[in-house]
Amino acid sequence: KLCDFSTAPMAAVCLPCVRPPPMTAVDSLSSGLVAAWKGDHWEMDDVFLSACKLSPEDFDRFVKRWWANHEIWRDVMACELGRLLGAALCIESELGQDWRKKLDAWTDDAFTRASEGCSAPPPRPVFQGKLAPVCSRILRTMNMKPVQPQAKSASEPRRPSWREQQEAAAADDPPDAQPMARQSSSDAMEELRACPPAPIVDVKWGTTDAVFHASGGSGGVFLARVQAGVVCVKPGSMQAAGEFMAVLLAKKLGVVVADLRVIEAASKEGLHVYESLRAAGEMVDGHNYITYVHKLRSREFMGVVEYVSGFGMEGMPAHQHLNTHLGRPELWTGLGRLMAFDVLTNNWDRLPIAWSNDGNLANVMLGSAKGLVVGIDQCVHSIVNEEGRQRYLQRVKEVLVECRDGPGPHLKRVAEATYNNTAIQLTPLELDAMRVGCVDFFREVLLLREANQLTGILGAVSHDVATNFEVGSVDVGQWGLPRKCDMIEAVAETAAKVLG
């Protein structure tokens, strides 16, 4: 029997209670970020902190007491964290496609205002480096990995990324023929090693189809596969001018190192690099590489670095390779030559011949088609403090005496570092070959000095470096070029006293 509800009292009508679906943690964070959005920025207010489930103390530990305008610095940090989270959550539909552009403009202005009255303002990349782990921690609580952003416009065609190509191939192939998903960095590196190095000039960035981010100091390095092969992109560090100077000087002095070209991040090519890396996607699942891509935008310069095939001087590949060169002087002489160049430029981040550290033998590349021994990631360092400078010159003297007369504690440190990294025990034959390479290099430098050519070479290199960094508003080493040249001249003078 049908009931006529139109004549029934309203109180007698019982409608079912329709409950909305529960909000997920991702939805809660997204809606919280949208609610805290001020139109062109975020502020460190209760709404933002509640959305991220953070407290002011989580940020105050990053703010130094000598920084002026602490409130603005906190808002800048909120913007940088919001930028990282927004990129992972893809909030364009709520904030608009141009929300990053608006945020960049506000953050640039805020950074300028916050720096006023601050005797030592922090470098802007500091915040991104500090907040990237905070962003990762927030996303991990939701079992979420960052969503790779899409290309800006459908009118800008690009080649399918490596992941898109793999998924398309998997859809066409039978289940037993589907390729395995990329899960390790070693797999990605093996694939890249099969590619030739691409020229670092006239790079076709639009053909980028795969990117691998290798972690390291100052933002690491991106290995991008383009149509011509593999090329590397490195965010400009606070020592970018010294790194460029080291590469130019090495080429002048006949030392084999990875080539480097500097471009402005805000230039047409710089923006093209950023968008290409952003759109290509990471080769390794679970790598939050997009946070490092954003560092390219936060720095004034970036480096296009020559990709050097082979492997660093550490681990089993290096052990096996060096084992085949025991008793053969060519490779060890090349190592000695590279060591001598590091002594000349005070480049302490490689073989620890003149420095009290463990060294970084990953910056020595072996098994490369470019040469038996290739240096990467070098830099010219000056020493401003006169007492420290004299101590270093005394170490240079001791190193060169050992290279001239016979091994001592400095070469022993190199032998220990080699063993600790490669399990290769150097014999007197290998150490003697390294000594020969070191002495031969410095004798070549002294010939240039006696012919009054060394000063001219340093002047030409400094001019090229200054020209490349002349638009920079932040000192990344270009303002200290005269000190770097003086340091090299002082090392050469010390070498002249030892080697004659």
Protein backbone atom coordinates (compact mmCIF):
# COMPACT_ATOMS: atom_id res chain seq x y z
CA LYS A 1 0.00 0.00 0.00
CA LEU A 2 1.42 3.38 -1.00
CA CYS A 3 1.56 6.13 1.59
CA ASP A 4 0.56 9.64 0.69
CA PHE A 5 3.29 11.67 2.41
CA SER A 6 1.76 14.90 1.21
CA THR A 7 -0.96 14.55 3.87
CA ALA A 8 1.27 13.21 6.64
CA PRO A 9 2.63 15.47 9.37
CA MET A 10 6.20 16.57 8.65
CA ALA A 11 7.41 15.19 11.98
CA ALA A 12 6.36 11.73 10.87
CA VAL A 13 8.60 11.80 7.80
CA CYS A 14 12.00 10.25 8.66
CA LEU A 15 14.59 10.78 5.96
CA PRO A 16 17.85 8.83 5.97
CA CYS A 17 20.92 10.76 7.17
CA VAL A 18 23.33 11.19 4.25
CA ARG A 19 26.89 11.59 5.51
CA PRO A 20 29.63 13.00 3.29
CA PRO A 21 32.59 10.70 2.67
CA PRO A 22 35.37 11.13 5.22
CA MET A 23 38.09 13.60 4.24
CA THR A 24 41.48 12.01 3.60
CA ALA A 25 44.73 13.43 4.93
CA VAL A 26 45.63 14.56 1.41
CA ASP A 27 42.28 16.34 1.03
CA SER A 28 42.72 17.95 4.44
CA LEU A 29 46.19 19.27 3.58
CA SER A 30 45.07 20.52 0.16
CA SER A 31 42.02 22.33 1.55
CA GLY A 32 44.12 23.75 4.37
CA LEU A 33 46.69 25.16 1.96
CA VAL A 34 43.93 26.65 -0.17
CA ALA A 35 42.27 28.20 2.90
CA ALA A 36 45.60 29.71 4.03
CA TRP A 37 46.41 31.16 0.58
CA LYS A 38 46.47 34.99 0.64
CA GLY A 39 46.12 35.47 -3.11
CA ASP A 40 49.87 35.52 -3.84
CA HIS A 41 51.56 33.99 -0.79
CA TRP A 42 51.21 32.08 2.46
CA GLU A 43 51.83 33.45 5.93
CA MET A 44 53.02 31.68 9.05
CA ASP A 45 49.60 31.91 10.69
CA ASP A 46 47.40 29.44 12.56
CA VAL A 47 45.57 28.31 9.41
CA PHE A 48 48.81 27.41 7.61
CA LEU A 49 50.35 25.71 10.65
CA SER A 50 47.16 23.73 11.29
CA ALA A 51 47.04 22.55 7.68
CA CYS A 52 50.63 21.30 7.86
CA LYS A 53 50.22 20.02 11.44
CA LEU A 54 53.28 22.00 12.49
CA SER A 55 54.07 24.45 15.25
CA PRO A 56 55.99 27.76 15.16
CA GLU A 57 58.88 25.99 16.91
CA ASP A 58 59.36 23.79 13.85
CA PHE A 59 60.38 26.93 11.93
CA ASP A 60 61.95 29.09 14.63
CA ARG A 61 64.94 26.75 14.84
CA PHE A 62 65.86 27.84 11.30
CA VAL A 63 65.73 31.58 12.09
CA LYS A 64 68.99 32.99 13.41
CA ARG A 65 68.83 35.61 16.12
CA TRP A 66 70.94 38.12 14.16
CA TRP A 67 68.50 38.16 11.24
CA ALA A 68 66.33 41.26 11.20
CA ASN A 69 62.59 41.18 10.35
CA HIS A 70 61.93 37.74 11.80
CA GLU A 71 58.22 37.81 10.90
CA ILE A 72 58.98 38.26 7.21
CA TRP A 73 61.53 35.43 7.28
CA ARG A 74 58.87 33.15 8.78
CA ASP A 75 56.44 34.07 6.02
CA VAL A 76 59.15 33.40 3.42
CA MET A 77 59.62 29.94 4.94
CA ALA A 78 55.87 29.36 4.82
CA CYS A 79 55.92 30.26 1.13
CA GLU A 80 58.83 27.93 0.37
CA LEU A 81 57.18 25.03 2.21
CA GLY A 82 53.84 25.80 0.56
CA ARG A 83 55.56 25.81 -2.82
CA LEU A 84 56.96 22.30 -2.24
CA LEU A 85 53.67 20.92 -0.92
CA GLY A 86 51.62 22.63 -3.63
CA ALA A 87 53.79 21.10 -6.35
CA ALA A 88 53.22 17.64 -4.86
CA LEU A 89 49.46 18.12 -4.40
CA CYS A 90 48.81 19.78 -7.80
CA ILE A 91 46.59 22.56 -6.44
CA GLU A 92 46.38 24.48 -9.72
CA SER A 93 42.62 23.88 -9.99
CA GLU A 94 42.06 25.71 -6.69
CA LEU A 95 44.73 28.44 -6.84
CA GLY A 96 44.96 28.91 -10.60
CA GLN A 97 47.60 27.96 -13.13
CA ASP A 98 49.73 31.02 -12.32
CA TRP A 99 49.95 30.55 -8.56
CA ARG A 100 53.69 29.83 -8.72
CA LYS A 101 54.33 33.02 -10.69
CA LYS A 102 52.42 35.07 -8.12
CA LEU A 103 54.25 33.33 -5.29
CA ASP A 104 57.64 33.96 -6.91
CA ALA A 105 56.92 37.67 -7.25
CA TRP A 106 55.79 38.01 -3.63
CA THR A 107 58.70 35.93 -2.30
CA ASP A 108 61.25 37.95 -4.27
CA ASP A 109 59.88 41.17 -2.82
CA ALA A 110 59.67 39.72 0.70
CA PHE A 111 63.24 38.46 0.54
CA THR A 112 64.41 41.94 -0.42
CA ARG A 113 62.43 43.54 2.42
CA ALA A 114 63.63 40.99 4.96
CA SER A 115 67.26 41.51 3.97
CA GLU A 116 67.10 45.24 4.73
CA GLY A 117 68.87 46.00 7.97
CA CYS A 118 70.36 42.50 8.10
CA SER A 119 74.16 42.55 8.09
CA ALA A 120 74.41 38.90 7.00
CA PRO A 121 71.15 37.79 5.36
CA PRO A 122 70.84 34.07 4.64
CA PRO A 123 71.25 32.82 1.07
CA ARG A 124 67.84 32.06 -0.32
CA PRO A 125 68.63 28.40 -1.15
CA VAL A 126 69.18 27.79 2.58
CA PHE A 127 65.43 27.77 3.19
CA GLN A 128 64.69 25.28 0.45
CA GLY A 129 67.39 22.95 1.71
CA LYS A 130 66.06 23.16 5.28
CA LEU A 131 62.40 22.78 4.32
CA ALA A 132 62.72 19.94 1.80
CA PRO A 133 63.00 17.33 4.63
CA VAL A 134 60.01 18.95 6.38
CA CYS A 135 57.97 18.60 3.18
CA SER A 136 59.06 14.98 2.77
CA ARG A 137 58.09 14.20 6.36
CA ILE A 138 54.61 15.66 5.85
CA LEU A 139 54.07 13.68 2.65
CA ARG A 140 55.35 10.46 4.21
CA THR A 141 52.70 10.66 6.92
CA MET A 142 50.13 10.40 4.12
CA ASN A 143 51.96 7.59 2.29
CA MET A 144 52.18 9.95 -0.64
CA LYS A 145 54.89 10.61 -3.18
CA PRO A 146 55.09 13.86 -5.14
CA VAL A 147 53.02 14.13 -8.30
CA GLN A 148 55.12 15.05 -11.29
CA PRO A 149 53.86 18.32 -12.83
CA GLN A 150 52.68 18.38 -16.41
CA ALA A 151 54.06 20.51 -19.22
CA LYS A 152 52.86 24.09 -19.07
CA SER A 153 50.99 24.13 -22.31
CA ALA A 154 49.64 21.56 -24.71
CA SER A 155 50.90 23.78 -27.52
CA GLU A 156 54.47 23.04 -26.46
CA PRO A 157 55.08 19.48 -27.74
CA ARG A 158 57.68 17.35 -26.07
CA ARG A 159 58.92 13.82 -26.39
CA PRO A 160 57.23 11.29 -24.07
CA SER A 161 59.14 10.85 -20.85
CA TRP A 162 60.92 7.62 -20.03
CA ARG A 163 58.07 6.57 -17.75
CA GLU A 164 55.43 7.34 -20.38
CA GLN A 165 57.37 5.33 -22.97
CA GLN A 166 57.66 2.41 -20.56
CA GLU A 167 53.94 2.46 -19.71
CA ALA A 168 52.99 2.61 -23.38
CA ALA A 169 55.27 -0.32 -24.17
CA ALA A 170 53.84 -2.28 -21.26
CA ALA A 171 50.30 -1.74 -22.55
CA ASP A 172 51.22 -3.14 -25.98
CA ASP A 173 53.33 -6.10 -24.83
CA PRO A 174 52.06 -9.36 -23.35
CA PRO A 175 52.38 -9.64 -19.54
CA ASP A 176 55.47 -11.86 -19.67
CA ALA A 177 57.29 -9.36 -21.91
CA GLN A 178 56.61 -6.23 -19.84
CA PRO A 179 59.74 -4.35 -18.71
CA MET A 180 60.53 -4.29 -15.03
CA ALA A 181 59.76 -1.06 -13.19
CA ARG A 182 62.81 1.07 -12.36
CA GLN A 183 63.41 0.83 -8.63
CA SER A 184 67.07 1.53 -7.99
CA SER A 185 69.55 4.27 -8.72
CA SER A 186 72.08 1.71 -9.96
CA ASP A 187 69.66 0.59 -12.69
CA ALA A 188 69.20 4.18 -13.84
CA MET A 189 72.95 4.81 -13.86
CA GLU A 190 73.58 1.67 -15.89
CA GLU A 191 71.12 2.89 -18.52
CA LEU A 192 72.73 6.34 -18.63
CA ARG A 193 76.23 4.87 -18.89
CA ALA A 194 75.18 3.28 -22.16
CA CYS A 195 74.52 6.77 -23.58
CA PRO A 196 77.23 8.99 -25.06
CA PRO A 197 78.08 12.38 -23.53
CA ALA A 198 76.16 15.17 -25.24
CA PRO A 199 77.87 18.46 -26.17
CA ILE A 200 77.26 21.16 -23.55
CA VAL A 201 76.62 23.84 -26.20
CA ASP A 202 73.49 24.08 -28.35
CA VAL A 203 71.72 21.50 -26.18
CA LYS A 204 68.27 20.48 -27.47
CA TRP A 205 66.58 20.75 -24.08
CA GLY A 206 63.16 20.08 -25.58
CA THR A 207 64.25 16.50 -26.32
CA THR A 208 64.84 15.67 -22.63
CA ASP A 209 63.07 12.37 -21.97
CA ALA A 210 64.60 11.17 -18.69
CA VAL A 211 66.24 12.77 -15.64
CA PHE A 212 68.22 11.27 -12.78
CA HIS A 213 69.14 13.36 -9.74
CA ALA A 214 72.42 12.41 -8.08
CA SER A 215 72.51 13.80 -4.57
CA GLY A 216 75.46 15.78 -3.29
CA GLY A 217 76.47 19.10 -1.83
CA SER A 218 74.79 22.30 -3.00
CA GLY A 219 71.83 20.52 -4.55
CA GLY A 220 73.61 17.65 -6.31
CA VAL A 221 73.52 17.32 -10.08
CA PHE A 222 70.90 16.36 -12.67
CA LEU A 223 71.76 13.88 -15.40
CA ALA A 224 69.46 14.65 -18.32
CA ARG A 225 69.11 12.37 -21.32
CA VAL A 226 68.60 14.41 -24.47
CA GLN A 227 68.58 13.44 -28.12
CA ALA A 228 72.37 13.68 -28.45
CA GLY A 229 73.19 11.79 -25.24
CA VAL A 230 73.56 12.73 -21.57
CA VAL A 231 74.32 16.19 -20.20
CA CYS A 232 74.50 17.34 -16.59
CA VAL A 233 72.87 20.37 -14.95
CA LYS A 234 74.11 21.71 -11.64
CA PRO A 235 72.43 24.42 -9.53
CA GLY A 236 74.80 27.32 -8.98
CA SER A 237 76.48 27.09 -5.57
CA MET A 238 77.95 29.86 -3.45
CA GLN A 239 81.32 28.90 -4.99
CA ALA A 240 80.10 28.85 -8.60
CA ALA A 241 82.69 31.36 -9.82
CA GLY A 242 85.52 29.38 -8.22
CA GLU A 243 84.24 26.19 -9.88
CA PHE A 244 84.13 27.85 -13.29
CA MET A 245 87.59 29.34 -12.76
CA ALA A 246 88.98 25.89 -11.90
CA VAL A 247 87.63 24.39 -15.14
CA LEU A 248 89.00 27.21 -17.32
CA LEU A 249 92.39 27.10 -15.59
CA ALA A 250 92.59 23.30 -15.88
CA LYS A 251 92.09 23.52 -19.64
CA LYS A 252 94.83 26.15 -19.89
CA LEU A 253 97.24 23.97 -17.89
CA GLY A 254 96.49 20.67 -19.62
CA VAL A 255 94.59 18.95 -16.79
CA VAL A 256 91.66 16.75 -17.82
CA VAL A 257 88.43 17.78 -16.08
CA ALA A 258 84.75 17.85 -16.98
CA ASP A 259 83.89 20.92 -19.06
CA LEU A 260 81.46 23.50 -17.71
CA ARG A 261 79.29 26.27 -19.15
CA VAL A 262 77.51 28.87 -17.00
CA ILE A 263 74.06 30.25 -17.85
CA GLU A 264 71.72 32.62 -16.05
CA ALA A 265 68.75 30.90 -14.44
CA ALA A 266 66.44 33.71 -15.59
CA SER A 267 67.66 33.60 -19.20
CA LYS A 268 65.63 32.03 -21.99
CA GLU A 269 67.82 28.95 -21.95
CA GLY A 270 67.76 28.77 -18.15
CA LEU A 271 63.96 28.75 -18.10
CA HIS A 272 63.95 26.15 -20.87
CA VAL A 273 66.25 23.92 -18.82
CA TYR A 274 63.99 24.27 -15.78
CA GLU A 275 60.81 23.42 -17.69
CA SER A 276 62.43 20.49 -19.51
CA LEU A 277 63.69 18.87 -16.31
CA ARG A 278 60.35 19.52 -14.66
CA ALA A 279 58.36 17.89 -17.44
CA ALA A 280 60.58 14.86 -18.12
CA GLY A 281 60.11 13.04 -14.83
CA GLU A 282 62.55 11.15 -12.61
CA MET A 283 63.87 7.73 -13.63
CA VAL A 284 63.82 6.33 -10.08
CA ASP A 285 60.57 5.75 -8.20
CA GLY A 286 60.37 7.46 -4.84
CA HIS A 287 62.96 10.19 -5.54
CA ASN A 288 61.51 13.57 -4.63
CA TYR A 289 63.67 15.17 -7.29
CA ILE A 290 61.18 17.94 -8.10
CA THR A 291 62.18 19.75 -4.90
CA TYR A 292 65.73 19.93 -6.27
CA VAL A 293 64.50 21.12 -9.66
CA HIS A 294 63.00 24.14 -7.90
CA LYS A 295 66.48 25.06 -6.66
CA LEU A 296 67.39 25.92 -10.23
CA ARG A 297 64.86 28.76 -10.07
CA SER A 298 66.05 30.00 -6.69
CA ARG A 299 69.63 30.64 -7.81
CA GLU A 300 70.95 33.21 -10.23
CA PHE A 301 73.11 30.79 -12.21
CA MET A 302 73.26 27.16 -13.19
CA GLY A 303 76.01 25.11 -14.75
CA VAL A 304 75.74 22.89 -17.81
CA VAL A 305 78.37 20.25 -17.07
CA GLU A 306 79.93 17.70 -19.38
CA TYR A 307 78.81 14.17 -18.59
CA VAL A 308 81.83 11.97 -17.86
CA SER A 309 81.23 8.26 -18.38
CA GLY A 310 82.87 5.75 -16.10
CA PHE A 311 82.81 5.57 -12.31
CA GLY A 312 84.25 7.34 -9.29
CA MET A 313 87.38 6.14 -7.54
CA GLU A 314 85.54 4.13 -4.91
CA GLY A 315 83.88 0.74 -4.54
CA MET A 316 84.25 -2.49 -6.46
CA PRO A 317 84.31 -1.00 -10.02
CA ALA A 318 87.28 1.17 -9.02
CA HIS A 319 88.97 -1.76 -7.27
CA GLN A 320 88.71 -3.93 -10.36
CA HIS A 321 89.83 -1.13 -12.68
CA LEU A 322 92.82 -0.03 -10.58
CA ASN A 323 93.88 -3.63 -10.07
CA THR A 324 94.50 -3.91 -13.81
CA HIS A 325 96.72 -0.80 -13.69
CA LEU A 326 99.02 -1.86 -10.85
CA GLY A 327 102.57 -1.72 -12.10
CA ARG A 328 101.57 0.47 -15.06
CA PRO A 329 102.53 4.12 -14.48
CA GLU A 330 100.24 5.98 -16.89
CA LEU A 331 97.13 6.13 -14.70
CA TRP A 332 99.05 6.89 -11.52
CA THR A 333 100.99 9.67 -13.22
CA GLY A 334 97.64 11.16 -14.26
CA LEU A 335 96.45 10.98 -10.64
CA GLY A 336 99.61 12.78 -9.55
CA ARG A 337 99.00 15.49 -12.11
CA LEU A 338 95.43 15.95 -10.89
CA MET A 339 96.65 16.08 -7.28
CA ALA A 340 99.17 18.78 -8.20
CA PHE A 341 96.43 20.87 -9.81
CA ASP A 342 94.39 20.54 -6.61
CA VAL A 343 97.37 21.73 -4.57
CA LEU A 344 97.81 24.73 -6.88
CA THR A 345 94.14 25.73 -6.53
CA ASN A 346 93.61 24.63 -2.90
CA ASN A 347 90.89 22.24 -4.09
CA TRP A 348 90.55 20.11 -0.96
CA ASP A 349 87.59 17.96 -2.09
CA ARG A 350 89.42 15.12 -3.84
CA LEU A 351 92.67 13.33 -2.86
CA PRO A 352 93.75 14.53 0.61
CA ILE A 353 97.43 15.15 -0.08
CA ALA A 354 97.65 18.62 1.53
CA TRP A 355 94.58 18.64 3.78
CA SER A 356 93.59 16.94 7.02
CA ASN A 357 90.42 15.32 5.72
CA ASP A 358 89.28 11.98 4.32
CA GLY A 359 89.12 13.30 0.78
CA ASN A 360 86.35 12.71 -1.74
CA LEU A 361 87.52 10.18 -4.27
CA ALA A 362 84.14 10.20 -6.00
CA ASN A 363 85.44 13.35 -7.70
CA VAL A 364 88.06 11.26 -9.53
CA MET A 365 86.47 9.55 -12.55
CA LEU A 366 88.02 6.38 -13.94
CA GLY A 367 87.26 4.23 -16.96
CA SER A 368 86.12 7.19 -19.03
CA ALA A 369 86.55 7.67 -22.76
CA LYS A 370 87.67 11.24 -21.97
CA GLY A 371 90.88 10.10 -20.28
CA LEU A 372 92.48 7.66 -17.85
CA VAL A 373 91.83 10.09 -14.99
CA VAL A 374 89.22 12.85 -15.15
CA GLY A 375 88.48 15.39 -12.44
CA ILE A 376 84.95 16.54 -11.63
CA ASP A 377 83.56 19.12 -9.22
CA GLN A 378 86.72 21.18 -8.71
CA CYS A 379 86.98 24.69 -7.29
CA VAL A 380 89.60 27.39 -6.67
CA HIS A 381 89.67 28.37 -2.99
CA SER A 382 91.51 31.35 -1.56
CA ILE A 383 92.48 31.76 2.10
CA VAL A 384 91.79 35.22 3.45
CA ASN A 385 93.32 34.80 6.89
CA GLU A 386 97.05 35.41 6.58
CA GLU A 387 98.00 32.94 9.29
CA GLY A 388 95.91 30.21 7.65
CA ARG A 389 97.39 31.10 4.27
CA GLN A 390 100.95 30.69 5.57
CA ARG A 391 100.07 27.34 7.15
CA TYR A 392 98.74 26.13 3.82
CA LEU A 393 101.85 27.29 1.95
CA GLN A 394 103.97 25.39 4.46
CA ARG A 395 101.95 22.26 3.67
CA VAL A 396 102.50 22.88 -0.04
CA LYS A 397 106.23 23.00 0.61
CA GLU A 398 106.10 19.72 2.55
CA VAL A 399 104.08 18.01 -0.21
CA LEU A 400 106.48 19.10 -2.93
CA VAL A 401 109.52 18.01 -0.90
CA GLU A 402 107.94 14.54 -0.61
CA CYS A 403 107.18 14.46 -4.32
CA ARG A 404 110.77 15.45 -5.08
CA ASP A 405 112.63 13.31 -2.54
CA GLY A 406 110.39 10.39 -1.55
CA PRO A 407 107.06 9.50 0.12
CA GLY A 408 106.25 10.85 3.58
CA PRO A 409 103.15 11.48 5.70
CA HIS A 410 101.27 13.40 2.98
CA LEU A 411 101.55 10.67 0.37
CA LYS A 412 100.83 8.11 3.09
CA ARG A 413 97.49 9.87 3.63
CA VAL A 414 96.76 9.51 -0.10
CA ALA A 415 97.63 5.80 0.05
CA GLU A 416 95.32 5.33 3.06
CA ALA A 417 92.45 7.14 1.32
CA THR A 418 92.97 4.99 -1.78
CA TYR A 419 92.86 1.80 0.29
CA ASN A 420 89.84 2.90 2.32
CA ASN A 421 87.87 3.69 -0.84
CA THR A 422 89.06 0.99 -3.25
CA ALA A 423 90.83 -1.71 -1.17
CA ILE A 424 93.88 -1.18 -3.40
CA GLN A 425 97.21 -1.20 -1.57
CA LEU A 426 99.58 1.16 -3.37
CA THR A 427 103.15 -0.04 -3.83
CA PRO A 428 106.23 2.22 -4.13
CA LEU A 429 105.86 1.93 -7.92
CA GLU A 430 102.42 3.58 -7.96
CA LEU A 431 103.45 6.22 -5.41
CA ASP A 432 106.57 7.05 -7.44
CA ALA A 433 104.44 7.48 -10.57
CA MET A 434 102.15 9.86 -8.66
CA ARG A 435 105.19 11.82 -7.47
CA VAL A 436 106.43 12.12 -11.06
CA GLY A 437 103.04 13.40 -12.25
CA CYS A 438 102.92 15.98 -9.48
CA VAL A 439 106.47 17.26 -10.03
CA ASP A 440 106.07 17.36 -13.82
CA PHE A 441 102.92 19.46 -13.51
CA PHE A 442 104.54 22.01 -11.20
CA ARG A 443 107.61 22.24 -13.42
CA GLU A 444 105.31 23.13 -16.32
CA VAL A 445 103.67 25.81 -14.16
CA LEU A 446 107.08 27.17 -13.19
CA LEU A 447 108.11 27.41 -16.86
CA LEU A 448 105.01 29.54 -17.47
CA ARG A 449 105.88 31.64 -14.43
CA GLU A 450 109.46 32.21 -15.57
CA ALA A 451 108.20 33.25 -19.01
CA ASN A 452 105.79 35.73 -17.34
CA GLN A 453 102.86 33.83 -18.83
CA LEU A 454 101.21 32.52 -15.66
CA THR A 455 99.98 35.96 -14.61
CA GLY A 456 98.57 36.51 -18.08
CA ILE A 457 96.75 33.16 -18.00
CA LEU A 458 95.24 33.97 -14.60
CA GLY A 459 94.19 37.39 -15.85
CA ALA A 460 92.47 35.95 -18.93
CA VAL A 461 90.69 33.26 -16.91
CA SER A 462 89.55 35.81 -14.31
CA HIS A 463 88.21 38.06 -17.06
CA ASP A 464 86.16 35.21 -18.54
CA VAL A 465 84.78 34.29 -15.13
CA ALA A 466 83.89 37.89 -14.28
CA THR A 467 82.16 38.31 -17.64
CA ASN A 468 79.98 35.24 -17.08
CA PHE A 469 78.96 36.36 -13.58
CA GLU A 470 78.79 40.14 -14.10
CA VAL A 471 74.98 40.25 -13.81
CA GLY A 472 75.03 38.51 -10.44
CA SER A 473 73.63 40.40 -7.48
CA VAL A 474 74.96 37.84 -4.96
CA ASP A 475 78.62 37.02 -4.46
CA VAL A 476 79.22 33.42 -5.58
CA GLY A 477 82.99 33.91 -5.62
CA GLN A 478 83.26 36.41 -8.48
CA TRP A 479 84.02 39.30 -6.13
CA GLY A 480 87.06 37.48 -4.75
CA LEU A 481 88.77 36.64 -8.04
CA PRO A 482 91.89 38.78 -7.30
CA ARG A 483 92.39 36.87 -4.04
CA LYS A 484 92.12 33.56 -5.88
CA CYS A 485 94.76 34.67 -8.39
CA ASP A 486 97.07 35.87 -5.60
CA MET A 487 96.68 32.50 -3.87
CA ILE A 488 97.70 30.60 -7.00
CA GLU A 489 100.68 32.90 -7.53
CA ALA A 490 101.76 32.31 -3.92
CA VAL A 491 101.58 28.53 -4.35
CA ALA A 492 103.63 28.80 -7.55
CA GLU A 493 106.20 30.90 -5.72
CA THR A 494 106.45 28.25 -3.00
CA ALA A 495 106.90 25.57 -5.67
CA ALA A 496 109.72 27.59 -7.24
CA LYS A 497 111.61 27.58 -3.90
CA VAL A 498 111.34 23.79 -3.67
CA LEU A 499 111.77 22.68 -7.27
CA GLY A 500 114.03 25.50 -8.50
